[in-house]
């Protein structure tokens, strides 16, 4: 039973009700001497309190996206699927999942890292007469801690995208959701001497998707949207790989100067920070959308202004959004979808079929 599922919350509510009913029915029926009866009553009260606290905790977590899975809560993500050895290099088998998704565990031929990749294709992908149509790709990057499933369990994907497509506000995208720290080691989507995570995201994952799905070629057909740590990566990767990604939308990005707790080497951290990359990306055909809220202390509005100044004169197209309120959670990020996805639709090419010769 998933941590963020409705069934888990309903089970906890039922357990709370059962604990309270048990206490009411058994309060005056506990056998034994006085100390034993009082001890049992204390246990019953504690059980009522514990189940009630669990209900509140589960409801709060589901609303604010604090933990996306049991692995996130227990800190065991590195020992789960992310850490698996994976299949032979380059081999991938996609299996159907919920919400029309297909997922695989894949070992990249360039990075040699193995992790989960989830792909969702829009209804237009399978529409009659669309068998030769290629679609733009939007890579969704989760936060840390987090998992690809958080976009579906907490981030209202793909429903939020489909609603905007139906309104004519955005293009239909193929959604690609990879792990951003395969093996359970966070590097802020950077290549380090021991882990080539940037290579995993910018070479292995795009090649995997392009081989198995009808996607548009070249950077004009590929963009990213990330939250928190994933938002940091959504700014960084187009600057490092403008030949792969044309645009990135960052919702409440982590500090754009880098995190010393993630990359201790100051030179490596600087060279992988969006702030440094922006000043060294002359002539890059890249667009970046940065959004936060005035109340988000983890992603203060001033860093968006600092980044905009750093990108001046480089040719980077920067658009910013500062909402008046909101926390560092999916409730706030989903409210940014219309602006972010609408902007991405102007940066990326529309679905198209090869022209006949």
Protein backbone atom coordinates (compact mmCIF):
# COMPACT_ATOMS: atom_id res chain seq x y z
CA UNK A 1 0.00 0.00 0.00
CA UNK A 2 1.59 3.26 -1.15
CA UNK A 3 2.37 5.92 1.46
CA UNK A 4 0.49 8.63 -0.46
CA UNK A 5 -2.45 6.50 -1.61
CA UNK A 6 -6.06 7.21 -0.66
CA UNK A 7 -6.46 3.59 0.45
CA UNK A 8 -3.69 4.02 3.04
CA UNK A 9 -5.33 7.16 4.46
CA UNK A 10 -8.75 5.44 4.59
CA UNK A 11 -7.19 2.44 6.36
CA UNK A 12 -5.69 4.72 9.01
CA UNK A 13 -9.02 6.49 9.53
CA UNK A 14 -10.75 3.12 9.94
CA UNK A 15 -8.08 2.01 12.42
CA UNK A 16 -8.58 5.20 14.44
CA UNK A 17 -12.33 4.67 14.56
CA UNK A 18 -11.83 1.04 15.59
CA UNK A 19 -9.41 2.04 18.37
CA UNK A 20 -11.87 4.58 19.76
CA UNK A 21 -14.77 2.12 19.60
CA UNK A 22 -12.68 -0.53 21.35
CA UNK A 23 -11.80 1.91 24.13
CA UNK A 24 -15.45 2.90 24.64
CA UNK A 25 -16.74 -0.68 24.72
CA UNK A 26 -13.94 -2.17 26.84
CA UNK A 27 -13.29 0.70 29.27
CA UNK A 28 -15.36 -0.73 32.15
CA UNK A 29 -14.97 -4.37 31.13
CA UNK A 30 -11.22 -4.79 31.62
CA UNK A 31 -10.67 -7.68 34.08
CA UNK A 32 -8.04 -7.97 36.79
CA UNK A 33 -6.82 -5.86 39.70
CA UNK A 34 -6.87 -2.08 39.64
CA UNK A 35 -3.27 -1.46 38.43
CA UNK A 36 -3.78 -3.89 35.53
CA UNK A 37 -7.07 -2.27 34.49
CA UNK A 38 -5.49 1.21 34.52
CA UNK A 39 -2.49 -0.01 32.55
CA UNK A 40 -4.76 -1.49 29.86
CA UNK A 41 -6.78 1.73 29.73
CA UNK A 42 -3.59 3.76 29.25
CA UNK A 43 -2.61 1.45 26.38
CA UNK A 44 -6.05 1.92 24.78
CA UNK A 45 -5.76 5.70 25.06
CA UNK A 46 -2.27 5.57 23.59
CA UNK A 47 -3.54 3.48 20.67
CA UNK A 48 -6.27 6.07 20.01
CA UNK A 49 -3.70 8.87 20.08
CA UNK A 50 -1.23 7.00 17.86
CA UNK A 51 -3.75 6.18 15.15
CA UNK A 52 -5.11 9.75 15.19
CA UNK A 53 -1.59 11.19 14.84
CA UNK A 54 -0.93 8.83 11.93
CA UNK A 55 -4.07 10.05 10.17
CA UNK A 56 -3.00 13.67 10.50
CA UNK A 57 0.56 12.85 9.40
CA UNK A 58 -0.61 10.90 6.34
CA UNK A 59 -3.08 13.62 5.36
CA UNK A 60 -0.43 16.33 5.75
CA UNK A 61 2.11 14.32 3.75
CA UNK A 62 -0.36 13.68 0.93
CA UNK A 63 -1.23 17.37 0.76
CA UNK A 64 2.28 18.78 0.91
CA UNK A 65 4.38 16.04 -0.67
CA UNK A 66 6.91 15.73 2.14
CA UNK A 67 7.63 12.06 1.37
CA UNK A 68 6.69 10.41 -1.92
CA UNK A 69 7.16 6.77 -0.89
CA UNK A 70 8.04 4.43 1.96
CA UNK A 71 11.65 4.49 0.76
CA UNK A 72 11.69 8.29 1.14
CA UNK A 73 10.21 8.10 4.64
CA UNK A 74 12.47 5.29 5.86
CA UNK A 75 15.58 6.46 4.02
CA UNK A 76 15.92 3.17 2.16
CA UNK A 77 15.73 4.49 -1.39
CA UNK A 78 19.35 3.60 -2.08
CA UNK A 79 18.68 -0.04 -1.23
CA UNK A 80 15.59 -0.33 -3.40
CA UNK A 81 15.06 -0.20 -7.11
CA UNK A 82 17.49 2.66 -7.59
CA UNK A 83 20.37 0.56 -6.36
CA UNK A 84 19.60 -2.53 -8.39
CA UNK A 85 22.30 -3.74 -10.75
CA UNK A 86 19.92 -3.49 -13.67
CA UNK A 87 19.81 -5.30 -16.99
CA UNK A 88 22.73 -5.50 -19.41
CA UNK A 89 23.89 -2.15 -20.77
CA UNK A 90 21.43 -0.62 -23.22
CA UNK A 91 18.69 -3.24 -22.85
CA UNK A 92 15.25 -2.06 -21.78
CA UNK A 93 11.82 -3.66 -21.56
CA UNK A 94 8.89 -1.34 -20.93
CA UNK A 95 5.99 -2.71 -18.88
CA UNK A 96 2.52 -1.12 -18.56
CA UNK A 97 1.72 0.74 -15.36
CA UNK A 98 -0.99 2.94 -13.87
CA UNK A 99 -2.35 6.03 -15.66
CA UNK A 100 -1.28 4.68 -19.04
CA UNK A 101 2.40 4.81 -18.14
CA UNK A 102 5.13 2.42 -19.20
CA UNK A 103 8.23 1.92 -17.10
CA UNK A 104 11.56 0.18 -17.28
CA UNK A 105 14.75 -0.33 -15.30
CA UNK A 106 17.55 0.57 -17.60
CA UNK A 107 21.34 0.64 -17.52
CA UNK A 108 22.80 3.42 -19.64
CA UNK A 109 25.60 2.67 -22.05
CA UNK A 110 27.33 6.01 -21.41
CA UNK A 111 26.96 6.50 -17.65
CA UNK A 112 26.77 2.80 -16.73
CA UNK A 113 24.15 3.82 -14.16
CA UNK A 114 20.88 1.92 -13.75
CA UNK A 115 17.55 3.37 -12.69
CA UNK A 116 13.85 3.64 -13.33
CA UNK A 117 12.44 5.54 -16.30
CA UNK A 118 8.67 6.09 -16.66
CA UNK A 119 7.15 7.20 -19.97
CA UNK A 120 3.62 8.44 -20.68
CA UNK A 121 2.30 9.16 -24.14
CA UNK A 122 -0.65 11.53 -24.70
CA UNK A 123 -3.93 10.32 -26.26
CA UNK A 124 -2.93 12.08 -29.48
CA UNK A 125 0.01 9.69 -29.78
CA UNK A 126 -2.31 6.74 -30.48
CA UNK A 127 -4.98 8.66 -32.37
CA UNK A 128 -6.03 7.37 -35.82
CA UNK A 129 -3.67 8.65 -38.50
CA UNK A 130 -0.96 9.67 -35.99
CA UNK A 131 1.23 6.61 -36.52
CA UNK A 132 3.92 8.73 -38.22
CA UNK A 133 3.57 11.81 -36.00
CA UNK A 134 6.47 12.63 -33.71
CA UNK A 135 5.91 14.45 -30.43
CA UNK A 136 7.90 16.87 -28.27
CA UNK A 137 9.28 15.43 -25.04
CA UNK A 138 9.00 16.91 -21.57
CA UNK A 139 11.35 15.35 -19.02
CA UNK A 140 10.00 15.70 -15.46
CA UNK A 141 12.62 15.83 -12.72
CA UNK A 142 11.59 15.04 -9.13
CA UNK A 143 13.15 16.45 -5.98
CA UNK A 144 15.42 15.02 -3.29
CA UNK A 145 14.29 12.99 -1.51
CA UNK A 146 11.79 11.80 -4.06
CA UNK A 147 11.09 9.34 -6.83
CA UNK A 148 9.67 9.37 -10.36
CA UNK A 149 6.34 8.22 -8.94
CA UNK A 150 5.92 11.46 -6.99
CA UNK A 151 4.88 13.23 -10.21
CA UNK A 152 1.93 10.85 -10.45
CA UNK A 153 1.12 10.32 -6.77
CA UNK A 154 1.48 13.95 -5.67
CA UNK A 155 1.99 16.06 -8.78
CA UNK A 156 -1.33 15.33 -10.54
CA UNK A 157 0.40 14.14 -13.69
CA UNK A 158 -0.64 13.36 -16.37
CA UNK A 159 -4.15 14.63 -15.55
CA UNK A 160 -3.01 18.24 -15.12
CA UNK A 161 -1.29 18.20 -18.51
CA UNK A 162 -4.28 16.60 -20.26
CA UNK A 163 -6.64 19.24 -18.86
CA UNK A 164 -4.44 22.05 -20.18
CA UNK A 165 -4.16 20.34 -23.58
CA UNK A 166 -7.94 20.05 -23.78
CA UNK A 167 -8.22 23.78 -23.07
CA UNK A 168 -5.78 24.48 -25.90
CA UNK A 169 -3.34 26.11 -23.49
CA UNK A 170 -0.40 23.74 -24.03
CA UNK A 171 0.94 21.22 -26.53
CA UNK A 172 0.63 17.47 -26.02
CA UNK A 173 3.97 16.16 -24.74
CA UNK A 174 5.44 12.74 -24.26
CA UNK A 175 6.29 12.75 -20.55
CA UNK A 176 9.55 11.10 -19.48
CA UNK A 177 10.21 10.71 -15.76
CA UNK A 178 13.66 9.34 -14.85
CA UNK A 179 15.36 8.93 -11.52
CA UNK A 180 17.61 11.92 -10.88
CA UNK A 181 19.92 10.08 -8.49
CA UNK A 182 20.16 6.47 -9.70
CA UNK A 183 21.76 4.31 -7.04
CA UNK A 184 20.52 6.57 -4.27
CA UNK A 185 23.40 9.09 -4.41
CA UNK A 186 22.41 12.72 -5.06
CA UNK A 187 24.89 14.75 -7.14
CA UNK A 188 22.54 17.59 -8.20
CA UNK A 189 22.38 15.94 -11.64
CA UNK A 190 26.13 16.39 -12.09
CA UNK A 191 28.89 14.20 -13.41
CA UNK A 192 31.40 13.41 -10.66
CA UNK A 193 34.50 11.18 -10.78
CA UNK A 194 32.42 8.27 -9.44
CA UNK A 195 28.90 8.92 -10.84
CA UNK A 196 27.94 10.37 -14.22
CA UNK A 197 24.40 11.47 -13.42
CA UNK A 198 24.36 14.33 -15.94
CA UNK A 199 25.36 11.83 -18.63
CA UNK A 200 22.56 9.51 -17.49
CA UNK A 201 19.97 12.28 -17.84
CA UNK A 202 21.29 14.02 -20.97
CA UNK A 203 22.52 11.05 -23.03
CA UNK A 204 21.29 7.68 -21.79
CA UNK A 205 17.67 8.62 -21.06
CA UNK A 206 17.11 10.61 -24.30
CA UNK A 207 18.63 7.82 -26.40
CA UNK A 208 16.46 5.23 -24.65
CA UNK A 209 13.28 7.23 -25.29
CA UNK A 210 14.15 8.12 -28.88
CA UNK A 211 14.71 4.43 -29.70
CA UNK A 212 11.37 3.31 -28.29
CA UNK A 213 8.95 6.19 -28.94
CA UNK A 214 8.08 8.59 -31.75
CA UNK A 215 9.76 11.75 -30.52
CA UNK A 216 10.93 14.87 -32.27
CA UNK A 217 14.67 14.98 -32.95
CA UNK A 218 17.03 17.68 -31.81
CA UNK A 219 16.87 20.13 -28.93
CA UNK A 220 13.75 21.93 -30.22
CA UNK A 221 11.75 18.84 -29.37
CA UNK A 222 13.13 18.32 -25.86
CA UNK A 223 12.54 20.25 -22.64
CA UNK A 224 12.62 19.73 -18.88
CA UNK A 225 10.47 20.71 -15.93
CA UNK A 226 11.63 20.11 -12.38
CA UNK A 227 10.72 20.82 -8.78
CA UNK A 228 13.12 21.67 -5.94
CA UNK A 229 16.37 19.76 -6.64
CA UNK A 230 14.86 18.71 -9.96
CA UNK A 231 14.25 22.39 -10.71
CA UNK A 232 17.94 23.11 -10.12
CA UNK A 233 18.66 20.38 -12.67
CA UNK A 234 16.09 21.77 -15.12
CA UNK A 235 18.08 25.03 -15.21
CA UNK A 236 21.49 23.39 -15.27
CA UNK A 237 21.10 20.70 -17.91
CA UNK A 238 20.00 22.93 -20.85
CA UNK A 239 23.02 25.15 -20.15
CA UNK A 240 25.36 22.16 -20.13
CA UNK A 241 23.67 20.29 -22.98
CA UNK A 242 22.10 22.87 -25.34
CA UNK A 243 22.38 20.31 -28.13
CA UNK A 244 19.93 18.06 -26.25
CA UNK A 245 17.53 20.37 -24.39
CA UNK A 246 16.22 23.68 -25.68
CA UNK A 247 14.26 24.73 -22.60
CA UNK A 248 13.91 24.13 -18.88
CA UNK A 249 11.20 25.15 -16.41
CA UNK A 250 12.27 25.31 -12.76
CA UNK A 251 9.64 25.39 -10.02
CA UNK A 252 11.12 26.48 -6.68
CA UNK A 253 14.72 25.58 -7.57
CA UNK A 254 17.33 24.83 -4.92
CA UNK A 255 20.06 27.49 -4.53
CA UNK A 256 21.42 28.13 -8.01
CA UNK A 257 24.98 28.49 -6.71
CA UNK A 258 25.06 24.80 -5.71
CA UNK A 259 24.91 22.89 -2.44
CA UNK A 260 28.19 22.25 -0.53
CA UNK A 261 26.56 19.27 1.19
CA UNK A 262 26.00 17.63 -2.21
CA UNK A 263 29.21 18.58 -4.02
CA UNK A 264 31.96 19.28 -1.49
CA UNK A 265 34.58 20.11 -4.12
CA UNK A 266 34.20 23.89 -4.63
CA UNK A 267 35.45 23.83 -8.23
CA UNK A 268 33.16 20.95 -9.21
CA UNK A 269 30.25 22.63 -7.46
CA UNK A 270 30.86 25.97 -9.19
CA UNK A 271 31.22 24.42 -12.66
CA UNK A 272 27.91 22.62 -12.16
CA UNK A 273 26.00 25.59 -10.77
CA UNK A 274 23.45 27.33 -13.01
CA UNK A 275 24.77 30.70 -11.85
CA UNK A 276 28.27 29.99 -13.18
CA UNK A 277 26.98 28.25 -16.30
CA UNK A 278 24.75 31.21 -17.19
CA UNK A 279 27.76 33.51 -17.36
CA UNK A 280 29.63 31.07 -19.60
CA UNK A 281 26.92 30.15 -22.10
CA UNK A 282 27.48 32.74 -24.79
CA UNK A 283 25.17 32.28 -27.76
CA UNK A 284 23.34 29.23 -26.40
CA UNK A 285 19.87 28.77 -27.91
CA UNK A 286 18.30 28.02 -24.54
CA UNK A 287 15.17 29.25 -22.77
CA UNK A 288 14.69 29.06 -19.00
CA UNK A 289 11.58 29.61 -16.89
CA UNK A 290 12.18 30.14 -13.16
CA UNK A 291 9.32 30.28 -10.67
CA UNK A 292 9.00 30.54 -6.91
CA UNK A 293 6.79 32.12 -4.27
CA UNK A 294 7.48 35.10 -2.06
CA UNK A 295 7.05 32.87 1.00
CA UNK A 296 9.47 30.11 -0.05
CA UNK A 297 12.61 30.46 2.07
CA UNK A 298 14.18 27.44 0.34
CA UNK A 299 13.95 29.17 -3.03
CA UNK A 300 13.95 32.94 -2.38
CA UNK A 301 12.85 35.30 -5.17
CA UNK A 302 16.14 37.19 -5.02
CA UNK A 303 18.01 34.27 -6.59
CA UNK A 304 15.76 34.52 -9.65
CA UNK A 305 16.75 38.16 -10.01
CA UNK A 306 20.43 37.28 -9.50
CA UNK A 307 20.25 34.61 -12.18
CA UNK A 308 18.51 36.96 -14.62
CA UNK A 309 21.34 39.45 -14.20
CA UNK A 310 23.95 36.73 -14.68
CA UNK A 311 22.28 35.66 -17.95
CA UNK A 312 22.09 39.16 -19.43
CA UNK A 313 23.98 39.50 -22.68
CA UNK A 314 24.40 35.75 -23.16
CA UNK A 315 21.40 35.19 -25.41
CA UNK A 316 19.68 32.96 -22.84
CA UNK A 317 15.93 33.63 -22.80
CA UNK A 318 14.86 33.98 -19.16
CA UNK A 319 11.30 34.32 -17.87
CA UNK A 320 10.49 34.47 -14.16
CA UNK A 321 7.38 34.09 -12.05
CA UNK A 322 7.00 34.96 -8.35
CA UNK A 323 3.69 33.96 -6.80
CA UNK A 324 2.63 35.89 -3.69
CA UNK A 325 2.20 32.81 -1.50
CA UNK A 326 2.90 29.12 -1.32
CA UNK A 327 5.24 26.61 0.28
CA UNK A 328 7.88 24.25 -1.04
CA UNK A 329 5.44 21.53 -2.10
CA UNK A 330 3.37 20.12 -4.96
CA UNK A 331 0.34 22.14 -3.92
CA UNK A 332 2.28 25.27 -4.90
CA UNK A 333 4.05 23.71 -7.89
CA UNK A 334 0.84 22.44 -9.49
CA UNK A 335 -0.46 26.00 -9.40
CA UNK A 336 2.53 26.98 -11.54
CA UNK A 337 1.81 24.37 -14.23
CA UNK A 338 -0.30 26.60 -16.51
CA UNK A 339 2.44 29.25 -16.72
CA UNK A 340 5.32 26.79 -16.98
CA UNK A 341 3.72 24.40 -19.46
CA UNK A 342 2.31 27.24 -21.52
CA UNK A 343 5.78 28.77 -21.76
CA UNK A 344 7.34 25.42 -22.67
CA UNK A 345 4.81 25.08 -25.46
CA UNK A 346 6.15 28.27 -27.02
CA UNK A 347 9.76 27.09 -26.73
CA UNK A 348 9.36 23.55 -28.07
CA UNK A 349 8.20 22.41 -31.49
CA UNK A 350 4.67 21.13 -32.10
CA UNK A 351 3.96 17.49 -32.95
CA UNK A 352 4.66 16.86 -36.61
CA UNK A 353 4.93 14.11 -39.19
CA UNK A 354 7.80 13.78 -41.69
CA UNK A 355 7.00 15.49 -44.96
CA UNK A 356 6.57 13.23 -47.98
CA UNK A 357 9.22 13.40 -50.68
